[in-house]
Amino acid sequence: MSYQINSLNQLIENLAKLPGIGKKTAQRLAFFILKTERSEVMELAKALVSVKDNVKSCSVCFNITETDPCEVCTNPRRDKSIICVVEEPSNILTIERTNEFRGLYHVLGGALSPLTGVSPDTLKIRELISRLEGDVNEIILATNPTVEGEATAIYLSKTLGNLGVKVTRIARGLPMGGDIEYADEVTLAKAFANRS
Protein backbone atom coordinates (compact mmCIF):
# COMPACT_ATOMS: atom_id res chain seq x y z
CA MET A 1 0.00 0.00 0.00
CA SER A 2 1.43 3.38 -0.99
CA TYR A 3 1.46 6.41 1.30
CA GLN A 4 -1.46 8.74 0.44
CA ILE A 5 -2.41 12.21 1.62
CA ASN A 6 -5.25 13.12 -0.70
CA SER A 7 -5.16 16.92 -0.43
CA LEU A 8 -1.38 16.99 -0.89
CA ASN A 9 -1.53 14.60 -3.85
CA GLN A 10 -4.29 16.69 -5.41
CA LEU A 11 -2.13 19.84 -5.07
CA ILE A 12 0.87 18.07 -6.62
CA GLU A 13 -1.24 16.82 -9.53
CA ASN A 14 -2.64 20.30 -10.19
CA LEU A 15 0.76 22.00 -9.96
CA ALA A 16 2.19 19.42 -12.37
CA LYS A 17 -0.36 20.57 -14.98
CA LEU A 18 1.39 23.95 -15.20
CA PRO A 19 3.76 24.38 -18.17
CA GLY A 20 7.37 23.59 -17.36
CA ILE A 21 6.47 22.00 -14.03
CA GLY A 22 7.24 18.31 -13.77
CA LYS A 23 6.18 15.93 -11.03
CA LYS A 24 9.29 16.57 -8.88
CA THR A 25 9.04 20.34 -9.12
CA ALA A 26 5.32 20.12 -8.35
CA GLN A 27 6.14 18.08 -5.27
CA ARG A 28 8.74 20.64 -4.12
CA LEU A 29 6.25 23.48 -4.64
CA ALA A 30 3.54 21.59 -2.76
CA PHE A 31 5.81 21.03 0.25
CA PHE A 32 6.87 24.69 0.12
CA ILE A 33 3.20 25.71 0.20
CA LEU A 34 2.60 23.30 3.08
CA LYS A 35 5.36 25.03 5.11
CA THR A 36 4.19 28.55 4.22
CA GLU A 37 2.04 30.62 6.57
CA ARG A 38 -1.69 30.26 5.93
CA SER A 39 -2.05 34.00 5.27
CA GLU A 40 0.51 33.84 2.45
CA VAL A 41 -1.19 30.81 0.92
CA MET A 42 -4.51 32.67 1.07
CA GLU A 43 -2.92 35.63 -0.74
CA LEU A 44 -1.75 33.25 -3.47
CA ALA A 45 -5.21 31.69 -3.70
CA LYS A 46 -6.84 35.17 -3.90
CA ALA A 47 -4.41 36.22 -6.64
CA LEU A 48 -5.23 33.08 -8.66
CA VAL A 49 -8.98 33.68 -8.39
CA SER A 50 -8.60 37.41 -9.05
CA VAL A 51 -6.67 36.88 -12.27
CA LYS A 52 -9.35 34.50 -13.53
CA ASP A 53 -12.18 36.87 -12.54
CA ASN A 54 -10.68 40.19 -13.64
CA VAL A 55 -8.29 39.68 -16.56
CA LYS A 56 -9.85 39.65 -20.02
CA SER A 57 -8.89 40.29 -23.62
CA CYS A 58 -8.79 43.84 -24.99
CA SER A 59 -11.44 44.24 -27.69
CA VAL A 60 -9.04 46.33 -29.82
CA CYS A 61 -5.60 44.69 -29.64
CA PHE A 62 -6.38 41.39 -27.84
CA ASN A 63 -3.78 42.00 -25.14
CA ILE A 64 -4.71 40.94 -21.61
CA THR A 65 -6.24 43.69 -19.50
CA GLU A 66 -8.53 44.51 -16.60
CA THR A 67 -10.04 47.47 -18.49
CA ASP A 68 -11.42 47.41 -22.01
CA PRO A 69 -9.91 48.87 -24.12
CA CYS A 70 -6.53 48.28 -22.48
CA GLU A 71 -4.17 50.94 -21.09
CA VAL A 72 -1.91 50.78 -24.16
CA CYS A 73 -4.77 51.33 -26.62
CA THR A 74 -6.17 54.28 -24.62
CA ASN A 75 -2.84 55.93 -23.79
CA PRO A 76 -2.72 59.27 -25.69
CA ARG A 77 1.10 59.26 -25.59
CA ARG A 78 1.37 56.07 -27.66
CA ASP A 79 2.21 56.44 -31.36
CA LYS A 80 -0.98 55.32 -33.08
CA SER A 81 0.72 55.18 -36.50
CA ILE A 82 2.73 52.03 -35.64
CA ILE A 83 1.35 48.62 -34.67
CA CYS A 84 3.63 45.84 -33.44
CA VAL A 85 2.15 42.41 -34.21
CA VAL A 86 2.94 39.63 -31.73
CA GLU A 87 1.79 36.06 -31.25
CA GLU A 88 0.80 36.13 -27.56
CA PRO A 89 0.16 38.72 -24.80
CA SER A 90 3.31 37.57 -22.98
CA ASN A 91 5.34 38.94 -25.93
CA ILE A 92 4.05 42.44 -25.14
CA LEU A 93 5.32 42.26 -21.57
CA THR A 94 8.78 41.38 -22.88
CA ILE A 95 8.80 44.21 -25.44
CA GLU A 96 7.50 46.75 -22.90
CA ARG A 97 10.40 45.93 -20.54
CA THR A 98 12.82 47.30 -23.16
CA ASN A 99 11.24 50.80 -23.01
CA GLU A 100 12.02 51.12 -26.73
CA PHE A 101 8.65 50.73 -28.42
CA ARG A 102 6.03 53.48 -28.07
CA GLY A 103 3.41 52.36 -30.59
CA LEU A 104 0.39 50.10 -30.31
CA TYR A 105 0.16 46.30 -30.34
CA HIS A 106 -1.91 43.58 -31.94
CA VAL A 107 -1.99 40.03 -30.55
CA LEU A 108 -2.64 37.33 -33.16
CA GLY A 109 -3.39 34.61 -30.64
CA GLY A 110 -0.79 32.21 -32.03
CA ALA A 111 1.08 31.45 -35.23
CA LEU A 112 0.15 29.67 -38.44
CA SER A 113 0.47 25.92 -38.08
CA PRO A 114 -1.42 23.82 -40.62
CA LEU A 115 -0.39 20.61 -38.84
CA THR A 116 -2.18 21.65 -35.65
CA GLY A 117 -5.11 23.31 -37.40
CA VAL A 118 -4.10 26.95 -36.94
CA SER A 119 -5.05 28.75 -40.16
CA PRO A 120 -5.25 32.46 -41.02
CA ASP A 121 -8.95 32.36 -40.09
CA THR A 122 -8.05 31.10 -36.60
CA LEU A 123 -5.79 34.09 -35.87
CA LYS A 124 -6.80 37.74 -35.32
CA ILE A 125 -5.69 38.77 -38.84
CA ARG A 126 -9.05 40.19 -40.00
CA GLU A 127 -9.14 42.34 -36.87
CA LEU A 128 -5.62 43.60 -37.64
CA ILE A 129 -6.63 44.53 -41.20
CA SER A 130 -9.66 46.44 -39.88
CA ARG A 131 -7.33 48.52 -37.67
CA LEU A 132 -5.46 49.77 -40.77
CA GLU A 133 -8.33 52.10 -41.65
CA GLY A 134 -7.00 54.74 -39.21
CA ASP A 135 -3.66 56.55 -39.19
CA VAL A 136 -1.49 53.41 -39.29
CA ASN A 137 1.67 53.88 -41.38
CA GLU A 138 3.74 50.88 -40.29
CA ILE A 139 3.22 47.32 -39.10
CA ILE A 140 6.14 45.75 -37.25
CA LEU A 141 6.07 41.95 -37.33
CA ALA A 142 7.47 40.57 -34.08
CA THR A 143 6.55 36.91 -34.42
CA ASN A 144 8.79 34.28 -32.87
CA PRO A 145 11.79 32.99 -34.86
CA THR A 146 10.24 29.55 -35.28
CA VAL A 147 9.02 27.80 -38.42
CA GLU A 148 5.45 28.80 -37.50
CA GLY A 149 6.45 32.36 -36.60
CA GLU A 150 8.34 32.77 -39.88
CA ALA A 151 5.41 31.38 -41.88
CA THR A 152 3.10 33.82 -40.11
CA ALA A 153 5.43 36.75 -40.81
CA ILE A 154 5.67 35.84 -44.51
CA TYR A 155 1.89 35.47 -44.78
CA LEU A 156 1.30 38.81 -43.06
CA SER A 157 3.96 40.57 -45.17
CA LYS A 158 2.22 39.49 -48.35
CA THR A 159 -1.30 40.16 -47.08
CA LEU A 160 -0.57 43.56 -45.51
CA GLY A 161 1.89 44.65 -48.21
CA ASN A 162 -0.97 44.62 -50.72
CA LEU A 163 -2.88 47.10 -48.54
CA GLY A 164 -0.37 49.93 -48.95
CA VAL A 165 1.03 49.93 -45.42
CA LYS A 166 4.77 49.67 -44.65
CA VAL A 167 5.53 46.23 -43.21
CA THR A 168 8.80 45.67 -41.32
CA ARG A 169 10.20 42.76 -39.32
CA ILE A 170 12.18 42.98 -36.09
CA ALA A 171 15.85 42.18 -36.64
CA ARG A 172 17.17 38.82 -35.52
CA GLY A 173 20.64 37.54 -34.99
CA LEU A 174 23.21 37.01 -32.26
CA PRO A 175 22.24 38.03 -28.73
CA MET A 176 24.38 40.41 -26.67
CA GLY A 177 27.05 38.40 -24.89
CA GLY A 178 26.54 35.51 -27.31
CA ASP A 179 29.40 33.51 -28.74
CA ILE A 180 29.55 32.91 -32.50
CA GLU A 181 31.01 29.48 -31.89
CA TYR A 182 27.78 28.35 -30.21
CA ALA A 183 25.31 30.04 -32.58
CA ASP A 184 23.19 27.80 -34.78
CA GLU A 185 23.32 28.24 -38.56
CA VAL A 186 19.90 29.89 -38.85
CA THR A 187 20.68 32.50 -36.18
CA LEU A 188 24.07 33.23 -37.74
CA ALA A 189 22.51 33.53 -41.22
CA LYS A 190 19.91 35.99 -39.84
CA ALA A 191 22.68 37.97 -38.16
CA PHE A 192 24.46 38.38 -41.52
CA ALA A 193 21.23 39.15 -43.37
CA ASN A 194 20.23 41.83 -40.82
CA ARG A 195 23.66 43.41 -40.42
CA SER A 196 23.82 47.18 -40.14
C-alpha atoms as a PDB file:
ATOM      1  CA  MET A   1       0.000   0.000   0.000  1.00  0.00           C
ATOM      2  CA  SER A   2       1.428   3.379  -0.989  1.00  0.00           C
ATOM      3  CA  TYR A   3       1.459   6.406   1.296  1.00  0.00           C
ATOM      4  CA  GLN A   4      -1.464   8.737   0.437  1.00  0.00           C
ATOM      5  CA  ILE A   5      -2.407  12.213   1.615  1.00  0.00           C
ATOM      6  CA  ASN A   6      -5.254  13.117  -0.705  1.00  0.00           C
ATOM      7  CA  SER A   7      -5.162  16.920  -0.426  1.00  0.00           C
ATOM      8  CA  LEU A   8      -1.377  16.994  -0.893  1.00  0.00           C
ATOM      9  CA  ASN A   9      -1.527  14.602  -3.849  1.00  0.00           C
ATOM     10  CA  GLN A  10      -4.289  16.685  -5.409  1.00  0.00           C
ATOM     11  CA  LEU A  11      -2.133  19.840  -5.066  1.00  0.00           C
ATOM     12  CA  ILE A  12       0.870  18.066  -6.623  1.00  0.00           C
ATOM     13  CA  GLU A  13      -1.243  16.816  -9.534  1.00  0.00           C
ATOM     14  CA  ASN A  14      -2.638  20.297 -10.187  1.00  0.00           C
ATOM     15  CA  LEU A  15       0.757  22.000  -9.965  1.00  0.00           C
ATOM     16  CA  ALA A  16       2.194  19.418 -12.374  1.00  0.00           C
ATOM     17  CA  LYS A  17      -0.360  20.572 -14.979  1.00  0.00           C
ATOM     18  CA  LEU A  18       1.392  23.951 -15.198  1.00  0.00           C
ATOM     19  CA  PRO A  19       3.755  24.376 -18.172  1.00  0.00           C
ATOM     20  CA  GLY A  20       7.370  23.594 -17.360  1.00  0.00           C
ATOM     21  CA  ILE A  21       6.475  22.001 -14.025  1.00  0.00           C
ATOM     22  CA  GLY A  22       7.243  18.312 -13.774  1.00  0.00           C
ATOM     23  CA  LYS A  23       6.176  15.928 -11.029  1.00  0.00           C
ATOM     24  CA  LYS A  24       9.291  16.566  -8.879  1.00  0.00           C
ATOM     25  CA  THR A  25       9.038  20.343  -9.124  1.00  0.00           C
ATOM     26  CA  ALA A  26       5.321  20.122  -8.353  1.00  0.00           C
ATOM     27  CA  GLN A  27       6.140  18.076  -5.274  1.00  0.00           C
ATOM     28  CA  ARG A  28       8.742  20.640  -4.119  1.00  0.00           C
ATOM     29  CA  LEU A  29       6.253  23.479  -4.637  1.00  0.00           C
ATOM     30  CA  ALA A  30       3.538  21.592  -2.758  1.00  0.00           C
ATOM     31  CA  PHE A  31       5.807  21.026   0.250  1.00  0.00           C
ATOM     32  CA  PHE A  32       6.868  24.685   0.120  1.00  0.00           C
ATOM     33  CA  ILE A  33       3.197  25.713   0.203  1.00  0.00           C
ATOM     34  CA  LEU A  34       2.605  23.298   3.078  1.00  0.00           C
ATOM     35  CA  LYS A  35       5.361  25.027   5.112  1.00  0.00           C
ATOM     36  CA  THR A  36       4.194  28.548   4.216  1.00  0.00           C
ATOM     37  CA  GLU A  37       2.044  30.616   6.574  1.00  0.00           C
ATOM     38  CA  ARG A  38      -1.693  30.256   5.926  1.00  0.00           C
ATOM     39  CA  SER A  39      -2.052  34.003   5.274  1.00  0.00           C
ATOM     40  CA  GLU A  40       0.512  33.845   2.446  1.00  0.00           C
ATOM     41  CA  VAL A  41      -1.188  30.807   0.918  1.00  0.00           C
ATOM     42  CA  MET A  42      -4.507  32.674   1.070  1.00  0.00           C
ATOM     43  CA  GLU A  43      -2.920  35.635  -0.741  1.00  0.00           C
ATOM     44  CA  LEU A  44      -1.752  33.250  -3.473  1.00  0.00           C
ATOM     45  CA  ALA A  45      -5.214  31.689  -3.701  1.00  0.00           C
ATOM     46  CA  LYS A  46      -6.841  35.165  -3.896  1.00  0.00           C
ATOM     47  CA  ALA A  47      -4.411  36.216  -6.637  1.00  0.00           C
ATOM     48  CA  LEU A  48      -5.230  33.084  -8.659  1.00  0.00           C
ATOM     49  CA  VAL A  49      -8.981  33.675  -8.386  1.00  0.00           C
ATOM     50  CA  SER A  50      -8.595  37.412  -9.049  1.00  0.00           C
ATOM     51  CA  VAL A  51      -6.666  36.883 -12.267  1.00  0.00           C
ATOM     52  CA  LYS A  52      -9.350  34.501 -13.531  1.00  0.00           C
ATOM     53  CA  ASP A  53     -12.176  36.869 -12.539  1.00  0.00           C
ATOM     54  CA  ASN A  54     -10.682  40.195 -13.639  1.00  0.00           C
ATOM     55  CA  VAL A  55      -8.294  39.681 -16.560  1.00  0.00           C
ATOM     56  CA  LYS A  56      -9.849  39.652 -20.019  1.00  0.00           C
ATOM     57  CA  SER A  57      -8.888  40.286 -23.622  1.00  0.00           C
ATOM     58  CA  CYS A  58      -8.791  43.844 -24.994  1.00  0.00           C
ATOM     59  CA  SER A  59     -11.441  44.241 -27.691  1.00  0.00           C
ATOM     60  CA  VAL A  60      -9.040  46.325 -29.822  1.00  0.00           C
ATOM     61  CA  CYS A  61      -5.598  44.692 -29.641  1.00  0.00           C
ATOM     62  CA  PHE A  62      -6.381  41.386 -27.837  1.00  0.00           C
ATOM     63  CA  ASN A  63      -3.781  42.003 -25.138  1.00  0.00           C
ATOM     64  CA  ILE A  64      -4.710  40.935 -21.613  1.00  0.00           C
ATOM     65  CA  THR A  65      -6.245  43.690 -19.498  1.00  0.00           C
ATOM     66  CA  GLU A  66      -8.527  44.512 -16.597  1.00  0.00           C
ATOM     67  CA  THR A  67     -10.039  47.468 -18.489  1.00  0.00           C
ATOM     68  CA  ASP A  68     -11.424  47.406 -22.014  1.00  0.00           C
ATOM     69  CA  PRO A  69      -9.912  48.869 -24.122  1.00  0.00           C
ATOM     70  CA  CYS A  70      -6.531  48.284 -22.481  1.00  0.00           C
ATOM     71  CA  GLU A  71      -4.175  50.936 -21.095  1.00  0.00           C
ATOM     72  CA  VAL A  72      -1.915  50.784 -24.159  1.00  0.00           C
ATOM     73  CA  CYS A  73      -4.774  51.334 -26.622  1.00  0.00           C
ATOM     74  CA  THR A  74      -6.168  54.275 -24.625  1.00  0.00           C
ATOM     75  CA  ASN A  75      -2.836  55.934 -23.791  1.00  0.00           C
ATOM     76  CA  PRO A  76      -2.722  59.269 -25.694  1.00  0.00           C
ATOM     77  CA  ARG A  77       1.096  59.263 -25.590  1.00  0.00           C
ATOM     78  CA  ARG A  78       1.374  56.066 -27.657  1.00  0.00           C
ATOM     79  CA  ASP A  79       2.215  56.438 -31.363  1.00  0.00           C
ATOM     80  CA  LYS A  80      -0.979  55.324 -33.085  1.00  0.00           C
ATOM     81  CA  SER A  81       0.723  55.183 -36.502  1.00  0.00           C
ATOM     82  CA  ILE A  82       2.725  52.033 -35.641  1.00  0.00           C
ATOM     83  CA  ILE A  83       1.355  48.621 -34.673  1.00  0.00           C
ATOM     84  CA  CYS A  84       3.626  45.841 -33.445  1.00  0.00           C
ATOM     85  CA  VAL A  85       2.146  42.414 -34.211  1.00  0.00           C
ATOM     86  CA  VAL A  86       2.943  39.633 -31.732  1.00  0.00           C
ATOM     87  CA  GLU A  87       1.787  36.057 -31.253  1.00  0.00           C
ATOM     88  CA  GLU A  88       0.798  36.133 -27.563  1.00  0.00           C
ATOM     89  CA  PRO A  89       0.163  38.716 -24.802  1.00  0.00           C
ATOM     90  CA  SER A  90       3.313  37.567 -22.980  1.00  0.00           C
ATOM     91  CA  ASN A  91       5.340  38.936 -25.929  1.00  0.00           C
ATOM     92  CA  ILE A  92       4.046  42.444 -25.141  1.00  0.00           C
ATOM     93  CA  LEU A  93       5.323  42.257 -21.566  1.00  0.00           C
ATOM     94  CA  THR A  94       8.779  41.379 -22.876  1.00  0.00           C
ATOM     95  CA  ILE A  95       8.799  44.211 -25.438  1.00  0.00           C
ATOM     96  CA  GLU A  96       7.500  46.746 -22.903  1.00  0.00           C
ATOM     97  CA  ARG A  97      10.401  45.934 -20.539  1.00  0.00           C
ATOM     98  CA  THR A  98      12.825  47.301 -23.158  1.00  0.00           C
ATOM     99  CA  ASN A  99      11.236  50.799 -23.006  1.00  0.00           C
ATOM    100  CA  GLU A 100      12.021  51.123 -26.733  1.00  0.00           C
ATOM    101  CA  PHE A 101       8.646  50.731 -28.420  1.00  0.00           C
ATOM    102  CA  ARG A 102       6.035  53.485 -28.067  1.00  0.00           C
ATOM    103  CA  GLY A 103       3.414  52.361 -30.589  1.00  0.00           C
ATOM    104  CA  LEU A 104       0.387  50.102 -30.313  1.00  0.00           C
ATOM    105  CA  TYR A 105       0.160  46.300 -30.342  1.00  0.00           C
ATOM    106  CA  HIS A 106      -1.908  43.581 -31.945  1.00  0.00           C
ATOM    107  CA  VAL A 107      -1.991  40.031 -30.555  1.00  0.00           C
ATOM    108  CA  LEU A 108      -2.645  37.334 -33.159  1.00  0.00           C
ATOM    109  CA  GLY A 109      -3.391  34.606 -30.639  1.00  0.00           C
ATOM    110  CA  GLY A 110      -0.794  32.208 -32.031  1.00  0.00           C
ATOM    111  CA  ALA A 111       1.080  31.451 -35.233  1.00  0.00           C
ATOM    112  CA  LEU A 112       0.151  29.673 -38.444  1.00  0.00           C
ATOM    113  CA  SER A 113       0.472  25.918 -38.075  1.00  0.00           C
ATOM    114  CA  PRO A 114      -1.420  23.815 -40.620  1.00  0.00           C
ATOM    115  CA  LEU A 115      -0.390  20.610 -38.844  1.00  0.00           C
ATOM    116  CA  THR A 116      -2.183  21.650 -35.655  1.00  0.00           C
ATOM    117  CA  GLY A 117      -5.112  23.315 -37.404  1.00  0.00           C
ATOM    118  CA  VAL A 118      -4.098  26.954 -36.936  1.00  0.00           C
ATOM    119  CA  SER A 119      -5.050  28.747 -40.158  1.00  0.00           C
ATOM    120  CA  PRO A 120      -5.246  32.464 -41.023  1.00  0.00           C
ATOM    121  CA  ASP A 121      -8.955  32.361 -40.086  1.00  0.00           C
ATOM    122  CA  THR A 122      -8.051  31.100 -36.601  1.00  0.00           C
ATOM    123  CA  LEU A 123      -5.792  34.089 -35.872  1.00  0.00           C
ATOM    124  CA  LYS A 124      -6.803  37.736 -35.323  1.00  0.00           C
ATOM    125  CA  ILE A 125      -5.695  38.771 -38.836  1.00  0.00           C
ATOM    126  CA  ARG A 126      -9.050  40.189 -40.004  1.00  0.00           C
ATOM    127  CA  GLU A 127      -9.139  42.336 -36.873  1.00  0.00           C
ATOM    128  CA  LEU A 128      -5.622  43.598 -37.642  1.00  0.00           C
ATOM    129  CA  ILE A 129      -6.631  44.527 -41.196  1.00  0.00           C
ATOM    130  CA  SER A 130      -9.660  46.442 -39.881  1.00  0.00           C
ATOM    131  CA  ARG A 131      -7.329  48.520 -37.669  1.00  0.00           C
ATOM    132  CA  LEU A 132      -5.458  49.774 -40.768  1.00  0.00           C
ATOM    133  CA  GLU A 133      -8.329  52.104 -41.653  1.00  0.00           C
ATOM    134  CA  GLY A 134      -7.000  54.744 -39.214  1.00  0.00           C
ATOM    135  CA  ASP A 135      -3.661  56.545 -39.194  1.00  0.00           C
ATOM    136  CA  VAL A 136      -1.491  53.411 -39.295  1.00  0.00           C
ATOM    137  CA  ASN A 137       1.671  53.880 -41.376  1.00  0.00           C
ATOM    138  CA  GLU A 138       3.739  50.876 -40.291  1.00  0.00           C
ATOM    139  CA  ILE A 139       3.217  47.322 -39.099  1.00  0.00           C
ATOM    140  CA  ILE A 140       6.143  45.748 -37.248  1.00  0.00           C
ATOM    141  CA  LEU A 141       6.070  41.951 -37.329  1.00  0.00           C
ATOM    142  CA  ALA A 142       7.465  40.565 -34.076  1.00  0.00           C
ATOM    143  CA  THR A 143       6.548  36.907 -34.422  1.00  0.00           C
ATOM    144  CA  ASN A 144       8.791  34.276 -32.868  1.00  0.00           C
ATOM    145  CA  PRO A 145      11.794  32.988 -34.856  1.00  0.00           C
ATOM    146  CA  THR A 146      10.244  29.545 -35.283  1.00  0.00           C
ATOM    147  CA  VAL A 147       9.015  27.801 -38.420  1.00  0.00           C
ATOM    148  CA  GLU A 148       5.447  28.797 -37.495  1.00  0.00           C
ATOM    149  CA  GLY A 149       6.454  32.364 -36.605  1.00  0.00           C
ATOM    150  CA  GLU A 150       8.343  32.773 -39.877  1.00  0.00           C
ATOM    151  CA  ALA A 151       5.414  31.378 -41.883  1.00  0.00           C
ATOM    152  CA  THR A 152       3.100  33.822 -40.107  1.00  0.00           C
ATOM    153  CA  ALA A 153       5.426  36.754 -40.812  1.00  0.00           C
ATOM    154  CA  ILE A 154       5.671  35.840 -44.509  1.00  0.00           C
ATOM    155  CA  TYR A 155       1.893  35.468 -44.784  1.00  0.00           C
ATOM    156  CA  LEU A 156       1.302  38.810 -43.056  1.00  0.00           C
ATOM    157  CA  SER A 157       3.958  40.567 -45.168  1.00  0.00           C
ATOM    158  CA  LYS A 158       2.224  39.488 -48.354  1.00  0.00           C
ATOM    159  CA  THR A 159      -1.298  40.164 -47.082  1.00  0.00           C
ATOM    160  CA  LEU A 160      -0.567  43.556 -45.514  1.00  0.00           C
ATOM    161  CA  GLY A 161       1.886  44.652 -48.205  1.00  0.00           C
ATOM    162  CA  ASN A 162      -0.967  44.615 -50.722  1.00  0.00           C
ATOM    163  CA  LEU A 163      -2.881  47.101 -48.545  1.00  0.00           C
ATOM    164  CA  GLY A 164      -0.369  49.926 -48.952  1.00  0.00           C
ATOM    165  CA  VAL A 165       1.033  49.928 -45.424  1.00  0.00           C
ATOM    166  CA  LYS A 166       4.766  49.672 -44.654  1.00  0.00           C
ATOM    167  CA  VAL A 167       5.526  46.232 -43.210  1.00  0.00           C
ATOM    168  CA  THR A 168       8.797  45.667 -41.320  1.00  0.00           C
ATOM    169  CA  ARG A 169      10.196  42.756 -39.321  1.00  0.00           C
ATOM    170  CA  ILE A 170      12.179  42.976 -36.091  1.00  0.00           C
ATOM    171  CA  ALA A 171      15.847  42.176 -36.642  1.00  0.00           C
ATOM    172  CA  ARG A 172      17.166  38.815 -35.519  1.00  0.00           C
ATOM    173  CA  GLY A 173      20.644  37.541 -34.986  1.00  0.00           C
ATOM    174  CA  LEU A 174      23.205  37.006 -32.262  1.00  0.00           C
ATOM    175  CA  PRO A 175      22.238  38.029 -28.729  1.00  0.00           C
ATOM    176  CA  MET A 176      24.381  40.408 -26.667  1.00  0.00           C
ATOM    177  CA  GLY A 177      27.051  38.397 -24.892  1.00  0.00           C
ATOM    178  CA  GLY A 178      26.540  35.507 -27.305  1.00  0.00           C
ATOM    179  CA  ASP A 179      29.405  33.507 -28.737  1.00  0.00           C
ATOM    180  CA  ILE A 180      29.551  32.913 -32.504  1.00  0.00           C
ATOM    181  CA  GLU A 181      31.014  29.477 -31.890  1.00  0.00           C
ATOM    182  CA  TYR A 182      27.777  28.346 -30.211  1.00  0.00           C
ATOM    183  CA  ALA A 183      25.312  30.036 -32.584  1.00  0.00           C
ATOM    184  CA  ASP A 184      23.190  27.796 -34.777  1.00  0.00           C
ATOM    185  CA  GLU A 185      23.317  28.235 -38.557  1.00  0.00           C
ATOM    186  CA  VAL A 186      19.896  29.893 -38.852  1.00  0.00           C
ATOM    187  CA  THR A 187      20.678  32.500 -36.175  1.00  0.00           C
ATOM    188  CA  LEU A 188      24.067  33.231 -37.743  1.00  0.00           C
ATOM    189  CA  ALA A 189      22.515  33.527 -41.215  1.00  0.00           C
ATOM    190  CA  LYS A 190      19.913  35.988 -39.838  1.00  0.00           C
ATOM    191  CA  ALA A 191      22.683  37.973 -38.158  1.00  0.00           C
ATOM    192  CA  PHE A 192      24.463  38.381 -41.523  1.00  0.00           C
ATOM    193  CA  ALA A 193      21.226  39.145 -43.372  1.00  0.00           C
ATOM    194  CA  ASN A 194      20.226  41.832 -40.817  1.00  0.00           C
ATOM    195  CA  ARG A 195      23.658  43.408 -40.420  1.00  0.00           C
ATOM    196  CA  SER A 196      23.819  47.185 -40.137  1.00  0.00           C
END
